[in-house]
């Protein structure tokens, strides 16, 4: 994953969860501003840093974007829950927590130095999980 693309999206004002889905859409040459707007609700620990990390929730949405049920005719990938569980377990094992405030040590100023790597690593791990399942 090109970290420069993530930085570019960040400079444009997008945050963790939104970046995850922007990158997913880009792999298919699609745009969906409504989806990206909705993903904003997951950013920065549900907007107060006390909730789950937006990279975590965004990556789970990314996995579901490619594997979940999207309309009445479509079937959910039978491995979806396992993939989400695998990602969630990896995240907690890698970072020791799933909560934004703990990842930032309670200081929102730490976002600039910590979040880019967390977002990039989470995106790469989510894609790795998806690739392993085809």
C-alpha atoms as a PDB file:
ATOM      1  CA  UNK A   1       0.000   0.000   0.000  1.00  0.00           C
ATOM      2  CA  UNK A   2       1.248   3.398  -0.906  1.00  0.00           C
ATOM      3  CA  UNK A   3       1.604   5.428   2.286  1.00  0.00           C
ATOM      4  CA  UNK A   4       1.705   8.589   0.155  1.00  0.00           C
ATOM      5  CA  UNK A   5      -1.879   7.894  -0.971  1.00  0.00           C
ATOM      6  CA  UNK A   6      -2.976   7.585   2.656  1.00  0.00           C
ATOM      7  CA  UNK A   7      -1.219  10.837   3.482  1.00  0.00           C
ATOM      8  CA  UNK A   8      -2.891  12.517   0.512  1.00  0.00           C
ATOM      9  CA  UNK A   9      -6.328  11.378   1.712  1.00  0.00           C
ATOM     10  CA  UNK A  10      -5.519  12.566   5.228  1.00  0.00           C
ATOM     11  CA  UNK A  11      -4.466  15.994   3.953  1.00  0.00           C
ATOM     12  CA  UNK A  12      -7.808  16.130   2.122  1.00  0.00           C
ATOM     13  CA  UNK A  13      -9.502  15.828   5.527  1.00  0.00           C
ATOM     14  CA  UNK A  14     -10.420  12.149   5.549  1.00  0.00           C
ATOM     15  CA  UNK A  15      -9.790  10.117   8.684  1.00  0.00           C
ATOM     16  CA  UNK A  16      -9.092   6.494   9.585  1.00  0.00           C
ATOM     17  CA  UNK A  17     -12.348   4.681   8.815  1.00  0.00           C
ATOM     18  CA  UNK A  18     -13.040   6.780   5.736  1.00  0.00           C
ATOM     19  CA  UNK A  19      -9.569   6.117   4.352  1.00  0.00           C
ATOM     20  CA  UNK A  20     -10.144   2.356   4.630  1.00  0.00           C
ATOM     21  CA  UNK A  21     -13.219   2.483   2.405  1.00  0.00           C
ATOM     22  CA  UNK A  22     -11.822   5.071   0.021  1.00  0.00           C
ATOM     23  CA  UNK A  23      -8.952   2.669  -0.654  1.00  0.00           C
ATOM     24  CA  UNK A  24     -11.362  -0.248  -1.078  1.00  0.00           C
ATOM     25  CA  UNK A  25     -13.427   1.719  -3.580  1.00  0.00           C
ATOM     26  CA  UNK A  26     -10.292   2.749  -5.458  1.00  0.00           C
ATOM     27  CA  UNK A  27      -9.367  -0.906  -6.027  1.00  0.00           C
ATOM     28  CA  UNK A  28     -12.575  -1.139  -8.067  1.00  0.00           C
ATOM     29  CA  UNK A  29     -12.377   2.329  -9.668  1.00  0.00           C
ATOM     30  CA  UNK A  30     -15.562   3.337  -7.830  1.00  0.00           C
ATOM     31  CA  UNK A  31     -16.695   6.357  -5.891  1.00  0.00           C
ATOM     32  CA  UNK A  32     -19.413   6.442  -3.238  1.00  0.00           C
ATOM     33  CA  UNK A  33     -19.507   9.739  -1.341  1.00  0.00           C
ATOM     34  CA  UNK A  34     -22.548   8.596   0.669  1.00  0.00           C
ATOM     35  CA  UNK A  35     -20.654   5.570   1.987  1.00  0.00           C
ATOM     36  CA  UNK A  36     -17.577   7.657   2.784  1.00  0.00           C
ATOM     37  CA  UNK A  37     -19.730  10.230   4.577  1.00  0.00           C
ATOM     38  CA  UNK A  38     -21.348   7.450   6.642  1.00  0.00           C
ATOM     39  CA  UNK A  39     -17.936   5.989   7.502  1.00  0.00           C
ATOM     40  CA  UNK A  40     -17.122   9.306   9.168  1.00  0.00           C
ATOM     41  CA  UNK A  41     -19.238   8.151  12.113  1.00  0.00           C
ATOM     42  CA  UNK A  42     -16.571   5.580  12.949  1.00  0.00           C
ATOM     43  CA  UNK A  43     -13.614   7.973  12.825  1.00  0.00           C
ATOM     44  CA  UNK A  44     -11.495   8.723  15.890  1.00  0.00           C
ATOM     45  CA  UNK A  45     -13.054   6.158  18.216  1.00  0.00           C
ATOM     46  CA  UNK A  46     -16.641   7.105  17.319  1.00  0.00           C
ATOM     47  CA  UNK A  47     -15.592  10.771  17.419  1.00  0.00           C
ATOM     48  CA  UNK A  48     -14.490  11.090  21.039  1.00  0.00           C
ATOM     49  CA  UNK A  49     -11.485   8.697  21.223  1.00  0.00           C
ATOM     50  CA  UNK A  50     -13.192   6.616  23.926  1.00  0.00           C
ATOM     51  CA  UNK A  51     -14.625   4.130  21.452  1.00  0.00           C
ATOM     52  CA  UNK A  52     -13.013   1.497  19.261  1.00  0.00           C
ATOM     53  CA  UNK A  53     -10.272   2.648  16.914  1.00  0.00           C
ATOM     54  CA  UNK A  54     -11.541   3.864  13.533  1.00  0.00           C
ATOM     55  CA  UNK A  55      -8.848   1.861  11.768  1.00  0.00           C
ATOM     56  CA  UNK A  56     -10.222  -1.272  13.464  1.00  0.00           C
ATOM     57  CA  UNK A  57     -13.873  -0.561  12.672  1.00  0.00           C
ATOM     58  CA  UNK A  58     -13.000   0.757   9.225  1.00  0.00           C
ATOM     59  CA  UNK A  59     -11.017  -2.370   8.379  1.00  0.00           C
ATOM     60  CA  UNK A  60     -13.921  -4.540   9.533  1.00  0.00           C
ATOM     61  CA  UNK A  61     -16.176  -2.535   7.202  1.00  0.00           C
ATOM     62  CA  UNK A  62     -13.615  -3.005   4.415  1.00  0.00           C
ATOM     63  CA  UNK A  63     -13.690  -6.784   4.915  1.00  0.00           C
ATOM     64  CA  UNK A  64     -17.483  -6.734   4.903  1.00  0.00           C
ATOM     65  CA  UNK A  65     -17.523  -4.467   1.837  1.00  0.00           C
ATOM     66  CA  UNK A  66     -15.882  -7.248  -0.148  1.00  0.00           C
ATOM     67  CA  UNK A  67     -17.515 -10.217   1.631  1.00  0.00           C
ATOM     68  CA  UNK A  68     -20.849  -9.139   3.077  1.00  0.00           C
ATOM     69  CA  UNK A  69     -24.399  -9.194   1.777  1.00  0.00           C
ATOM     70  CA  UNK A  70     -25.233  -6.114  -0.272  1.00  0.00           C
ATOM     71  CA  UNK A  71     -28.663  -6.859  -1.672  1.00  0.00           C
ATOM     72  CA  UNK A  72     -31.444  -9.433  -1.347  1.00  0.00           C
ATOM     73  CA  UNK A  73     -30.012 -11.594  -4.128  1.00  0.00           C
ATOM     74  CA  UNK A  74     -26.463 -11.649  -2.773  1.00  0.00           C
ATOM     75  CA  UNK A  75     -25.097 -14.139  -0.269  1.00  0.00           C
ATOM     76  CA  UNK A  76     -22.688 -13.240   2.497  1.00  0.00           C
ATOM     77  CA  UNK A  77     -19.362 -15.036   2.309  1.00  0.00           C
ATOM     78  CA  UNK A  78     -19.646 -17.936   4.778  1.00  0.00           C
ATOM     79  CA  UNK A  79     -16.208 -16.993   6.146  1.00  0.00           C
ATOM     80  CA  UNK A  80     -17.126 -13.356   6.893  1.00  0.00           C
ATOM     81  CA  UNK A  81     -17.450 -13.735  10.668  1.00  0.00           C
ATOM     82  CA  UNK A  82     -14.220 -15.717  10.823  1.00  0.00           C
ATOM     83  CA  UNK A  83     -12.389 -13.060   8.793  1.00  0.00           C
ATOM     84  CA  UNK A  84     -13.717 -10.307  11.079  1.00  0.00           C
ATOM     85  CA  UNK A  85     -12.716 -12.294  14.149  1.00  0.00           C
ATOM     86  CA  UNK A  86      -9.250 -12.946  12.723  1.00  0.00           C
ATOM     87  CA  UNK A  87      -8.749  -9.261  12.006  1.00  0.00           C
ATOM     88  CA  UNK A  88     -10.023  -8.174  15.397  1.00  0.00           C
ATOM     89  CA  UNK A  89      -7.764 -10.665  17.188  1.00  0.00           C
ATOM     90  CA  UNK A  90      -4.756  -9.540  15.110  1.00  0.00           C
ATOM     91  CA  UNK A  91      -5.467  -5.903  15.936  1.00  0.00           C
ATOM     92  CA  UNK A  92      -5.680  -6.526  19.673  1.00  0.00           C
ATOM     93  CA  UNK A  93      -2.569  -8.720  19.640  1.00  0.00           C
ATOM     94  CA  UNK A  94      -0.619  -6.164  17.580  1.00  0.00           C
ATOM     95  CA  UNK A  95      -1.634  -3.025  19.466  1.00  0.00           C
ATOM     96  CA  UNK A  96      -2.611  -4.372  22.881  1.00  0.00           C
ATOM     97  CA  UNK A  97      -5.998  -2.662  22.757  1.00  0.00           C
ATOM     98  CA  UNK A  98      -8.848  -1.883  20.422  1.00  0.00           C
ATOM     99  CA  UNK A  99      -9.662   1.531  21.885  1.00  0.00           C
ATOM    100  CA  UNK A 100      -8.619   4.799  20.308  1.00  0.00           C
ATOM    101  CA  UNK A 101      -7.901   6.561  23.606  1.00  0.00           C
ATOM    102  CA  UNK A 102      -5.541   3.793  24.723  1.00  0.00           C
ATOM    103  CA  UNK A 103      -3.743   3.780  21.374  1.00  0.00           C
ATOM    104  CA  UNK A 104      -3.247   7.527  21.788  1.00  0.00           C
ATOM    105  CA  UNK A 105      -2.331   7.285  25.482  1.00  0.00           C
ATOM    106  CA  UNK A 106      -5.222   9.639  26.208  1.00  0.00           C
ATOM    107  CA  UNK A 107      -3.706  12.482  24.170  1.00  0.00           C
ATOM    108  CA  UNK A 108      -5.326  13.337  20.843  1.00  0.00           C
ATOM    109  CA  UNK A 109      -2.105  15.070  19.795  1.00  0.00           C
ATOM    110  CA  UNK A 110      -0.622  11.583  19.349  1.00  0.00           C
ATOM    111  CA  UNK A 111      -2.893  11.011  16.335  1.00  0.00           C
ATOM    112  CA  UNK A 112      -0.428  12.492  13.859  1.00  0.00           C
ATOM    113  CA  UNK A 113       2.421  10.258  14.944  1.00  0.00           C
ATOM    114  CA  UNK A 114       0.565   6.997  15.626  1.00  0.00           C
ATOM    115  CA  UNK A 115      -2.492   6.757  13.421  1.00  0.00           C
ATOM    116  CA  UNK A 116      -0.858   6.668   9.973  1.00  0.00           C
ATOM    117  CA  UNK A 117       0.984   3.420  10.755  1.00  0.00           C
ATOM    118  CA  UNK A 118      -2.070   1.897  12.431  1.00  0.00           C
ATOM    119  CA  UNK A 119      -4.256   2.727   9.419  1.00  0.00           C
ATOM    120  CA  UNK A 120      -1.700   1.419   6.935  1.00  0.00           C
ATOM    121  CA  UNK A 121      -1.024  -1.796   8.876  1.00  0.00           C
ATOM    122  CA  UNK A 122      -4.749  -2.382   9.356  1.00  0.00           C
ATOM    123  CA  UNK A 123      -5.504  -1.883   5.672  1.00  0.00           C
ATOM    124  CA  UNK A 124      -2.708  -4.260   4.682  1.00  0.00           C
ATOM    125  CA  UNK A 125      -3.827  -6.909   7.197  1.00  0.00           C
ATOM    126  CA  UNK A 126      -7.470  -6.671   6.115  1.00  0.00           C
ATOM    127  CA  UNK A 127      -6.454  -7.110   2.474  1.00  0.00           C
ATOM    128  CA  UNK A 128      -4.181 -10.019   3.423  1.00  0.00           C
ATOM    129  CA  UNK A 129      -7.104 -11.731   5.168  1.00  0.00           C
ATOM    130  CA  UNK A 130      -9.323 -11.153   2.137  1.00  0.00           C
ATOM    131  CA  UNK A 131      -6.649 -12.355  -0.292  1.00  0.00           C
ATOM    132  CA  UNK A 132      -6.160 -15.540   1.709  1.00  0.00           C
ATOM    133  CA  UNK A 133      -9.867 -16.345   1.273  1.00  0.00           C
ATOM    134  CA  UNK A 134     -10.121 -15.165  -2.345  1.00  0.00           C
END
